[in-house]
Amino acid sequence: QVQLVESGGGLVQAGGSLRLSCAASSGTFSSYAMGWFRQAPGKEREFVAAIRWNGGSTHYADSVKGRFTISRDNAKNTVYLHMNSLKPEDTAVYYCAAPARTYYSTATSREYKYWGQGTQVTVSS
């Protein structure tokens, strides 16, 4: 079982930056790839970024590529999402998630089993 808790959301002006954190309870955190997803009002949840269990590979949605960076610290059981050059269309609830399988990285939402409660990010124009 993996429990995830996000933090770091808030209100920021367009062009600003935020760093989201996701702390995991599992002692096997380093065995899991981790992903970030977001859901805006009235829209479906969408993939944002993913990182392999050892941090050796990352993957981004085209909409955030070059602006967001996913990273992890396995010693702290934490994954981060650094968000720069934020736009109003980045406004959403952001969720971190872990797949059902260890040593498996994916961008597909339905393959993730463990989810945090979400943190709100609001970007004003």
Protein backbone atom coordinates (compact mmCIF):
# COMPACT_ATOMS: atom_id res chain seq x y z
CA GLN A 1 0.00 0.00 0.00
CA VAL A 2 1.24 3.46 -0.92
CA GLN A 3 -0.18 6.60 0.64
CA LEU A 4 0.54 9.90 -1.07
CA VAL A 5 0.17 13.45 0.20
CA GLU A 6 0.63 16.46 -2.08
CA SER A 7 1.53 19.97 -1.00
CA GLY A 8 2.72 23.23 -2.50
CA GLY A 9 -0.27 24.37 -4.50
CA GLY A 10 -1.57 27.91 -4.40
CA LEU A 11 -2.38 31.07 -6.31
CA VAL A 12 0.26 32.52 -8.62
CA GLN A 13 0.31 35.09 -11.39
CA ALA A 14 0.90 34.10 -14.99
CA GLY A 15 4.60 33.70 -15.63
CA GLY A 16 5.27 32.68 -12.05
CA SER A 17 6.54 29.45 -10.56
CA LEU A 18 5.47 26.85 -8.03
CA ARG A 19 6.94 23.63 -6.71
CA LEU A 20 4.62 20.80 -5.81
CA SER A 21 5.73 18.03 -3.49
CA CYS A 22 4.32 14.56 -2.99
CA ALA A 23 5.37 12.58 0.06
CA ALA A 24 4.92 8.82 0.03
CA SER A 25 4.44 6.59 3.04
CA SER A 26 5.68 3.42 1.41
CA GLY A 27 9.07 2.03 2.28
CA THR A 28 9.21 0.68 -1.28
CA PHE A 29 8.88 4.15 -2.85
CA SER A 30 12.10 3.65 -4.80
CA SER A 31 10.48 0.71 -6.60
CA TYR A 32 7.70 2.83 -8.10
CA ALA A 33 7.65 5.14 -11.06
CA MET A 34 5.68 8.25 -10.14
CA GLY A 35 3.36 10.45 -12.13
CA TRP A 36 1.68 13.82 -11.91
CA PHE A 37 -1.77 14.40 -13.36
CA ARG A 38 -4.13 17.35 -13.32
CA GLN A 39 -7.82 17.97 -13.66
CA ALA A 40 -9.37 21.30 -14.53
CA PRO A 41 -13.05 22.07 -13.87
CA GLY A 42 -15.26 20.39 -16.45
CA LYS A 43 -12.36 18.53 -18.02
CA GLU A 44 -11.01 15.02 -17.79
CA ARG A 45 -7.91 14.24 -15.78
CA GLU A 46 -4.81 14.50 -17.92
CA PHE A 47 -1.23 13.30 -17.71
CA VAL A 48 1.40 15.91 -16.87
CA ALA A 49 4.69 14.12 -16.18
CA ALA A 50 6.20 10.84 -15.05
CA ILE A 51 9.55 9.73 -13.70
CA ARG A 52 11.07 6.28 -13.43
CA TRP A 53 11.74 4.64 -10.08
CA ASN A 54 15.44 5.56 -10.20
CA GLY A 55 14.89 9.01 -11.72
CA GLY A 56 16.74 7.93 -14.82
CA SER A 57 14.04 8.82 -17.30
CA THR A 58 11.25 11.38 -17.44
CA HIS A 59 8.28 11.95 -19.71
CA TYR A 60 6.12 15.06 -20.18
CA ALA A 61 2.89 16.08 -21.80
CA ASP A 62 3.51 18.37 -24.76
CA SER A 63 1.58 21.15 -23.03
CA VAL A 64 4.13 21.40 -20.21
CA LYS A 65 7.34 20.34 -21.92
CA GLY A 66 10.10 22.89 -21.36
CA ARG A 67 8.21 24.55 -18.49
CA PHE A 68 7.70 21.77 -15.92
CA THR A 69 10.31 19.45 -14.43
CA ILE A 70 9.60 16.29 -12.48
CA SER A 71 12.20 15.04 -10.02
CA ARG A 72 12.40 12.72 -7.05
CA ASP A 73 14.41 12.15 -3.90
CA ASN A 74 14.18 8.49 -2.95
CA ALA A 75 15.94 9.13 0.36
CA LYS A 76 13.02 11.39 1.31
CA ASN A 77 10.28 9.32 -0.37
CA THR A 78 9.26 12.45 -2.23
CA VAL A 79 8.53 13.40 -5.82
CA TYR A 80 8.43 17.00 -7.01
CA LEU A 81 6.92 18.96 -9.85
CA HIS A 82 8.71 22.22 -10.58
CA MET A 83 6.43 24.48 -12.60
CA ASN A 84 7.79 27.56 -14.36
CA SER A 85 6.26 30.06 -16.78
CA LEU A 86 2.82 29.18 -15.52
CA LYS A 87 -0.18 29.99 -17.67
CA PRO A 88 -3.86 30.42 -16.74
CA GLU A 89 -4.59 27.17 -18.59
CA ASP A 90 -2.39 25.35 -16.05
CA THR A 91 -5.07 26.02 -13.44
CA ALA A 92 -6.23 22.65 -12.09
CA VAL A 93 -6.11 20.25 -9.18
CA TYR A 94 -2.80 18.43 -9.39
CA TYR A 95 -2.46 14.83 -8.27
CA CYS A 96 0.54 12.61 -7.77
CA ALA A 97 0.13 8.91 -8.35
CA ALA A 98 1.92 5.58 -8.29
CA PRO A 99 1.21 2.69 -10.68
CA ALA A 100 -0.20 -0.62 -9.56
CA ARG A 101 3.03 -2.32 -10.63
CA THR A 102 6.54 -1.67 -9.41
CA TYR A 103 9.34 -0.96 -11.90
CA TYR A 104 6.77 0.16 -14.47
CA SER A 105 6.44 3.65 -15.91
CA THR A 106 3.36 4.79 -17.77
CA ALA A 107 1.47 7.90 -18.82
CA THR A 108 -1.89 6.12 -18.73
CA SER A 109 -4.11 7.22 -15.87
CA ARG A 110 -5.95 3.89 -15.53
CA GLU A 111 -2.68 2.09 -14.83
CA TYR A 112 -2.13 4.13 -11.68
CA LYS A 113 -3.50 2.60 -8.50
CA TYR A 114 -2.41 4.96 -5.72
CA TRP A 115 -3.46 8.61 -5.73
CA GLY A 116 -2.98 11.58 -3.48
CA GLN A 117 -5.79 13.88 -2.44
CA GLY A 118 -4.76 16.62 -4.85
CA THR A 119 -3.54 20.18 -4.47
CA GLN A 120 -5.10 23.20 -6.16
CA VAL A 121 -3.01 25.34 -8.49
CA THR A 122 -4.58 28.58 -9.69
CA VAL A 123 -2.83 30.82 -12.20
CA SER A 124 -4.25 34.31 -12.61
CA SER A 125 -3.86 36.31 -15.80
